[in-house]
Amino acid sequence: MGQKVNPHGLRVGVIKDWDSRWYARNEKVGDLLVEDNKIRSYLKKTLYSAGIPKIEIERDSAKVRIYLHCARPGVVIGKGGTEIERTRLQVEKMIGKSVALNIVEVKSPDMNVTCTLAAAMAQRGKKTAVLDADITGPSVPTAFGLHQHAVGSDLGIEPVVSRGGVEVMSLNFLTENETDPVVWRGPVIAGTVKQFWSEVIWGNVDFMFVDMPPGTGDVPLTVFQSLPIDGVIVVTSPQDLVSMIVTKAVKMAELMEIPILGIVENYSYFQCPDCGKEHAIFGESKVERVAADLGLKVLAKLPIDSALASACDNGGVEDYQPNPMAGVAEVLERL
């Protein structure tokens, strides 16, 4: 309803330690460091598939508190919460102390890729839009500095427009507060994604980018089945599981007969500002080999960039230069 997307426009789906310790007076710091490392080693080994970029350990006189920052908390928690309880009891048995185990969901950094790509395309003079399909973790508005509510009429919902002219629709524009949690089951989330496509009054858009959560779950399936997607960009990072994760995403797109436009590797390396040397913080990149095995192109290898992260946190993604996705925007424009 009220949807006016240019039929010739391109729609692209984008598939995306510090410690706080309390040291008891009667225990040696070295012993606690050994114990902390033992806990981290065990958790990362047993919960590796969940993707745990950060583990915090806090101590007080009563117990040890562990915070797992997870990209896929459902994998950790398990059915009915039994998996997380089993893990907590095992850690207690291992260290002989009372343990509280808490799960903190982290937002995928792939959102930066979607936002910088949209900004790059708008800077090339193209009418651009972003549909934020990451319903439970909508971070796109923050990157563009958009904090207002969307308005609607009998025709539908008006997208919020950024300073650079990018049309954006996200659940954050519809909740009372940006920090309100979204506790919805799959069918409701899928229905919301469909409404963002059919009931938003999109303009005459040349390029629409759909930011999706990681994995091959309800949202990517809904996007592939319900939106006329012209192609998919797979976003990954240099980790040991990259081959399996990318292959699953690619196979899903192929199963749905959606073209794969290429792969973007995020957090590929860190470049020292003093000497210019590149350091593989998350391990040596495997994206070239994986792409060759799958017959795909590597569109970009993006470095760890604190300045870009800060720009996204402060609503300045459109101002950041040079735009790391400018080359990818040029490739898409030629399609």
Protein backbone atom coordinates (compact mmCIF):
# COMPACT_ATOMS: atom_id res chain seq x y z
CA MET A 1 0.00 0.00 0.00
CA GLY A 2 1.42 3.34 -1.07
CA GLN A 3 4.66 1.67 -2.12
CA LYS A 4 6.32 3.54 -5.04
CA VAL A 5 9.68 1.87 -5.43
CA ASN A 6 11.21 2.34 -8.85
CA PRO A 7 10.72 -1.00 -10.67
CA HIS A 8 14.12 -0.49 -12.27
CA GLY A 9 15.84 0.17 -8.95
CA LEU A 10 18.22 -2.42 -7.51
CA ARG A 11 17.36 -4.08 -4.21
CA VAL A 12 20.27 -5.66 -2.39
CA GLY A 13 20.11 -7.84 0.70
CA VAL A 14 23.04 -7.52 3.08
CA ILE A 15 23.38 -10.72 5.13
CA LYS A 16 25.68 -9.34 8.45
CA ASP A 17 38.42 -7.94 26.82
CA TRP A 18 38.24 -5.80 29.02
CA ASP A 19 37.99 -7.12 32.61
CA SER A 20 36.27 -5.86 35.71
CA ARG A 21 37.72 -7.89 38.60
CA TRP A 22 37.32 -7.84 42.33
CA TYR A 23 40.37 -9.28 44.07
CA ALA A 24 39.87 -10.84 47.50
CA ARG A 25 42.41 -9.75 50.09
CA ASN A 26 43.46 -13.30 50.88
CA GLU A 27 43.94 -14.41 47.27
CA LYS A 28 46.83 -13.71 44.99
CA VAL A 29 46.19 -11.74 41.83
CA GLY A 30 48.11 -14.33 39.83
CA ASP A 31 45.81 -17.11 41.02
CA LEU A 32 42.74 -15.14 39.94
CA LEU A 33 44.25 -14.45 36.53
CA VAL A 34 44.84 -18.17 36.06
CA GLU A 35 41.27 -18.91 37.15
CA ASP A 36 39.83 -16.26 34.81
CA ASN A 37 41.78 -17.65 31.86
CA LYS A 38 40.59 -21.14 32.74
CA ILE A 39 36.97 -19.95 32.70
CA ARG A 40 37.39 -18.13 29.38
CA SER A 41 39.10 -21.10 27.77
CA TYR A 42 36.34 -23.46 28.85
CA LEU A 43 33.48 -21.18 27.75
CA LYS A 44 34.97 -20.39 24.36
CA LYS A 45 35.63 -24.07 23.74
CA THR A 46 32.18 -25.33 24.77
CA LEU A 47 30.14 -22.43 23.33
CA TYR A 48 32.25 -21.67 20.25
CA SER A 49 29.37 -21.95 17.76
CA ALA A 50 27.50 -19.11 19.49
CA GLY A 51 30.16 -16.54 18.61
CA ILE A 52 31.41 -14.95 21.83
CA PRO A 53 33.53 -11.87 21.10
CA LYS A 54 33.73 -10.76 24.72
CA ILE A 55 33.65 -12.35 28.17
CA GLU A 56 33.54 -10.18 31.29
CA ILE A 57 34.26 -11.55 34.76
CA GLU A 58 33.27 -9.67 37.89
CA ARG A 59 33.88 -10.72 41.50
CA ASP A 60 32.49 -9.82 44.88
CA SER A 61 32.60 -11.50 48.24
CA ALA A 62 29.69 -13.80 47.39
CA LYS A 63 30.21 -15.10 43.89
CA VAL A 64 31.82 -14.86 40.46
CA ARG A 65 29.67 -13.15 37.83
CA ILE A 66 30.29 -13.95 34.18
CA TYR A 67 28.83 -11.96 31.29
CA LEU A 68 28.84 -13.59 27.86
CA HIS A 69 28.48 -11.08 25.03
CA CYS A 70 27.07 -13.28 22.26
CA ALA A 71 26.16 -12.71 18.63
CA ARG A 72 23.82 -15.72 18.78
CA PRO A 73 22.46 -15.92 22.34
CA GLY A 74 19.85 -18.52 21.41
CA VAL A 75 22.61 -21.03 20.77
CA VAL A 76 23.98 -20.46 24.27
CA ILE A 77 20.69 -20.45 26.14
CA GLY A 78 19.29 -23.57 24.51
CA LYS A 79 15.80 -25.01 24.84
CA GLY A 80 14.09 -23.85 28.01
CA GLY A 81 17.33 -22.38 29.30
CA THR A 82 18.75 -25.80 30.17
CA GLU A 83 21.98 -25.30 28.24
CA ILE A 84 22.99 -22.13 30.05
CA GLU A 85 22.19 -23.73 33.44
CA ARG A 86 24.26 -26.80 32.59
CA THR A 87 27.17 -24.56 31.63
CA ARG A 88 26.88 -22.52 34.83
CA LEU A 89 26.93 -25.65 37.00
CA GLN A 90 29.95 -26.97 35.13
CA VAL A 91 31.89 -23.74 35.74
CA GLU A 92 30.97 -23.85 39.43
CA LYS A 93 32.25 -27.41 39.66
CA MET A 94 35.43 -26.46 37.82
CA ILE A 95 36.43 -23.53 40.06
CA GLY A 96 34.68 -24.53 43.28
CA LYS A 97 32.85 -21.20 43.66
CA SER A 98 29.31 -19.88 43.24
CA VAL A 99 28.80 -18.59 39.67
CA ALA A 100 26.18 -16.35 38.04
CA LEU A 101 26.16 -16.62 34.24
CA ASN A 102 24.51 -13.83 32.23
CA ILE A 103 23.88 -13.49 28.49
CA VAL A 104 24.28 -10.14 26.71
CA GLU A 105 23.35 -9.96 23.02
CA VAL A 106 25.67 -7.94 20.83
CA LYS A 107 24.81 -6.27 17.57
CA SER A 108 26.52 -7.56 14.48
CA PRO A 109 29.06 -5.14 13.00
CA ASP A 110 27.64 -5.91 9.55
CA MET A 111 25.27 -2.96 10.00
CA ASN A 112 28.25 -0.67 9.33
CA VAL A 113 28.64 -2.29 5.91
CA THR A 114 25.01 -1.66 4.95
CA CYS A 115 25.06 1.95 6.13
CA THR A 116 28.38 2.89 4.52
CA LEU A 117 27.29 1.26 1.27
CA ALA A 118 24.01 3.19 1.27
CA ALA A 119 25.88 6.42 2.03
CA ALA A 120 28.36 5.73 -0.78
CA MET A 121 25.58 5.10 -3.27
CA ALA A 122 23.74 8.30 -2.27
CA GLN A 123 26.98 10.24 -2.70
CA ARG A 124 27.09 8.95 -6.28
CA GLY A 125 23.81 10.76 -6.92
CA LYS A 126 21.56 7.70 -6.66
CA LYS A 127 18.24 7.73 -4.83
CA THR A 128 18.94 5.28 -2.02
CA ALA A 129 16.97 3.57 0.75
CA VAL A 130 17.69 1.22 3.66
CA LEU A 131 15.10 -1.23 4.95
CA ASP A 132 16.25 -2.29 8.42
CA ALA A 133 15.05 -5.90 8.62
CA ASP A 134 17.03 -6.57 11.80
CA ILE A 135 13.86 -6.14 13.85
CA THR A 136 15.23 -7.16 17.25
CA GLY A 137 18.46 -5.16 16.89
CA PRO A 138 17.65 -2.08 14.80
CA SER A 139 20.84 -0.01 14.76
CA VAL A 140 20.65 1.60 11.32
CA PRO A 141 18.93 4.81 12.53
CA THR A 142 21.74 5.49 15.00
CA ALA A 143 24.37 5.36 12.26
CA PHE A 144 22.46 7.99 10.26
CA GLY A 145 21.70 10.13 13.32
CA LEU A 146 17.94 9.56 13.05
CA HIS A 147 16.06 9.50 16.35
CA GLN A 148 12.58 10.76 15.46
CA HIS A 149 9.36 8.79 15.07
CA ALA A 150 7.99 7.87 11.66
CA VAL A 151 4.67 9.43 10.63
CA GLY A 152 1.92 7.89 8.58
CA SER A 153 -1.34 8.54 6.78
CA ASP A 154 -4.08 6.58 5.06
CA LEU A 155 -1.56 5.87 2.30
CA GLY A 156 1.02 4.26 4.57
CA ILE A 157 4.12 5.04 6.62
CA GLU A 158 6.56 7.73 5.53
CA PRO A 159 10.23 6.68 5.66
CA VAL A 160 12.57 8.90 7.66
CA VAL A 161 15.08 10.70 5.43
CA SER A 162 18.71 11.27 6.44
CA ARG A 163 20.70 14.47 5.89
CA GLY A 164 22.22 12.87 2.80
CA GLY A 165 18.85 11.95 1.34
CA VAL A 166 18.79 8.23 2.26
CA GLU A 167 15.28 6.95 3.01
CA VAL A 168 15.25 4.68 6.08
CA MET A 169 12.62 2.51 7.75
CA SER A 170 13.35 0.77 11.03
CA LEU A 171 11.40 -0.47 14.01
CA ASN A 172 13.18 2.13 16.16
CA PHE A 173 11.03 4.76 14.43
CA LEU A 174 7.87 3.05 15.67
CA THR A 175 8.62 2.15 19.30
CA GLU A 176 7.99 4.65 22.09
CA ASN A 177 11.64 4.57 23.17
CA GLU A 178 14.72 3.52 21.21
CA THR A 179 15.73 1.19 24.04
CA ASP A 180 12.40 -0.66 24.23
CA PRO A 181 13.06 -4.40 23.71
CA VAL A 182 11.30 -6.30 20.93
CA VAL A 183 10.10 -9.60 22.39
CA TRP A 184 8.37 -11.09 19.37
CA ARG A 185 8.17 -14.54 17.88
CA GLY A 186 9.22 -15.34 14.32
CA PRO A 187 5.84 -14.92 12.56
CA VAL A 188 5.35 -11.42 14.01
CA ILE A 189 8.87 -10.38 13.02
CA ALA A 190 8.33 -11.77 9.52
CA GLY A 191 5.05 -9.85 9.23
CA THR A 192 6.79 -6.62 10.23
CA VAL A 193 9.45 -7.07 7.55
CA LYS A 194 6.70 -7.55 4.94
CA GLN A 195 4.95 -4.39 6.14
CA PHE A 196 8.17 -2.40 5.87
CA TRP A 197 8.17 -3.30 2.20
CA SER A 198 4.48 -3.06 1.30
CA GLU A 199 3.13 -0.37 3.64
CA VAL A 200 5.95 2.18 3.56
CA ILE A 201 5.69 4.98 0.99
CA TRP A 202 9.10 4.51 -0.59
CA GLY A 203 10.11 7.09 -3.16
CA ASN A 204 11.44 6.52 -6.65
CA VAL A 205 14.40 4.55 -5.29
CA ASP A 206 17.32 3.47 -7.47
CA PHE A 207 19.00 1.27 -4.84
CA MET A 208 17.45 -0.24 -1.74
CA PHE A 209 19.63 -2.06 0.79
CA VAL A 210 18.01 -4.52 3.19
CA ASP A 211 19.98 -4.94 6.41
CA MET A 212 19.41 -8.46 7.77
CA PRO A 213 20.49 -10.17 11.00
CA PRO A 214 23.12 -12.93 10.89
CA GLY A 215 22.13 -16.48 10.01
CA THR A 216 19.61 -18.19 7.78
CA GLY A 217 16.50 -17.82 9.95
CA ASP A 218 13.06 -16.24 9.65
CA VAL A 219 14.13 -12.78 8.47
CA PRO A 220 16.36 -13.78 5.52
CA LEU A 221 13.76 -16.35 4.49
CA THR A 222 11.00 -13.71 4.61
CA VAL A 223 13.11 -11.21 2.67
CA PHE A 224 13.99 -13.76 -0.03
CA GLN A 225 10.38 -14.95 -0.39
CA SER A 226 8.50 -11.66 -0.05
CA LEU A 227 10.74 -8.94 -1.48
CA PRO A 228 11.91 -8.74 -5.12
CA ILE A 229 15.58 -8.97 -4.18
CA ASP A 230 17.97 -8.53 -7.12
CA GLY A 231 21.03 -9.85 -5.33
CA VAL A 232 22.73 -10.61 -2.02
CA ILE A 233 25.99 -9.39 -0.54
CA VAL A 234 27.36 -11.78 2.07
CA VAL A 235 29.22 -10.06 4.91
CA THR A 236 31.67 -12.11 6.94
CA SER A 237 34.75 -11.79 9.16
CA PRO A 238 38.13 -13.59 9.31
CA GLN A 239 37.33 -16.42 11.73
CA ASP A 240 37.71 -20.17 11.63
CA LEU A 241 34.00 -20.72 11.01
CA VAL A 242 33.93 -18.36 8.03
CA SER A 243 33.86 -21.14 5.41
CA MET A 244 30.88 -22.92 6.96
CA ILE A 245 28.92 -19.72 7.67
CA VAL A 246 29.45 -18.24 4.20
CA THR A 247 28.64 -21.55 2.52
CA LYS A 248 25.34 -21.81 4.41
CA ALA A 249 24.35 -18.28 3.45
CA VAL A 250 25.30 -18.85 -0.17
CA LYS A 251 23.42 -22.16 -0.36
CA MET A 252 20.32 -20.55 1.11
CA ALA A 253 20.41 -17.78 -1.49
CA GLU A 254 20.94 -20.31 -4.27
CA LEU A 255 18.07 -22.41 -2.96
CA MET A 256 15.83 -19.33 -3.16
CA GLU A 257 17.27 -18.51 -6.61
CA ILE A 258 18.71 -15.18 -5.45
CA PRO A 259 21.94 -14.08 -7.21
CA ILE A 260 25.04 -13.65 -5.04
CA LEU A 261 26.73 -10.36 -5.88
CA GLY A 262 29.86 -11.06 -3.83
CA ILE A 263 31.45 -11.21 -0.39
CA VAL A 264 32.59 -8.40 1.90
CA GLU A 265 35.00 -9.26 4.70
CA ASN A 266 34.57 -6.97 7.69
CA TYR A 267 37.29 -6.50 10.35
CA SER A 268 39.79 -7.97 7.92
CA TYR A 269 42.84 -6.35 9.52
CA PHE A 270 44.06 -3.51 11.71
CA GLN A 271 46.51 -1.02 10.25
CA CYS A 272 48.94 0.46 12.76
CA PRO A 273 48.67 4.27 12.61
CA ASP A 274 52.38 4.62 13.47
CA CYS A 275 54.13 2.21 11.11
CA GLY A 276 51.35 1.34 8.64
CA LYS A 277 51.80 -2.40 9.14
CA GLU A 278 48.67 -4.53 8.84
CA HIS A 279 47.85 -6.93 11.68
CA ALA A 280 45.37 -9.82 11.39
CA ILE A 281 43.66 -9.35 14.77
CA PHE A 282 41.03 -12.04 14.18
CA GLY A 283 43.30 -14.43 12.32
CA GLU A 284 44.52 -14.63 8.77
CA SER A 285 41.88 -13.95 6.14
CA LYS A 286 40.37 -16.97 4.41
CA VAL A 287 37.87 -15.08 2.32
CA GLU A 288 39.82 -15.30 -0.96
CA ARG A 289 39.99 -19.11 -0.76
CA VAL A 290 36.36 -19.43 0.31
CA ALA A 291 35.21 -17.11 -2.48
CA ALA A 292 37.23 -19.06 -5.06
CA ASP A 293 35.74 -22.36 -3.86
CA LEU A 294 32.23 -20.93 -4.22
CA GLY A 295 32.93 -19.12 -7.48
CA LEU A 296 32.24 -15.69 -5.97
CA LYS A 297 33.93 -12.28 -6.03
CA VAL A 298 35.48 -10.59 -3.01
CA LEU A 299 34.02 -7.10 -3.21
CA ALA A 300 35.96 -5.57 -0.32
CA LYS A 301 38.16 -6.34 2.70
CA LEU A 302 37.43 -3.73 5.34
CA PRO A 303 39.86 -2.91 8.16
CA ILE A 304 39.10 -2.43 11.84
CA ASP A 305 38.52 1.30 11.95
CA SER A 306 37.74 2.99 15.27
CA ALA A 307 37.01 6.27 13.48
CA LEU A 308 34.29 4.64 11.38
CA ALA A 309 32.82 2.93 14.44
CA SER A 310 32.73 6.27 16.22
CA ALA A 311 31.08 7.91 13.21
CA CYS A 312 28.33 5.26 13.21
CA ASP A 313 27.83 5.57 16.96
CA ASN A 314 27.43 9.34 16.64
CA GLY A 315 25.22 9.46 13.57
CA GLY A 316 27.92 10.55 11.15
CA VAL A 317 28.19 7.61 8.76
CA GLU A 318 27.39 9.86 5.78
CA ASP A 319 30.20 12.26 6.71
CA TYR A 320 32.94 9.65 7.04
CA GLN A 321 35.61 9.86 4.34
CA PRO A 322 37.01 8.09 2.52
CA ASN A 323 33.98 5.81 2.38
CA PRO A 324 35.29 2.21 2.56
CA MET A 325 32.39 0.92 0.43
CA ALA A 326 32.81 3.40 -2.43
CA GLY A 327 34.35 0.74 -4.65
CA VAL A 328 31.46 -1.66 -4.00
CA ALA A 329 28.96 1.09 -4.82
CA GLU A 330 30.72 1.59 -8.14
CA VAL A 331 30.48 -2.15 -8.89
CA LEU A 332 26.76 -2.20 -8.08
CA GLU A 333 26.10 0.85 -10.23
CA ARG A 334 27.49 -1.01 -13.24
CA LEU A 335 25.10 -3.94 -12.79
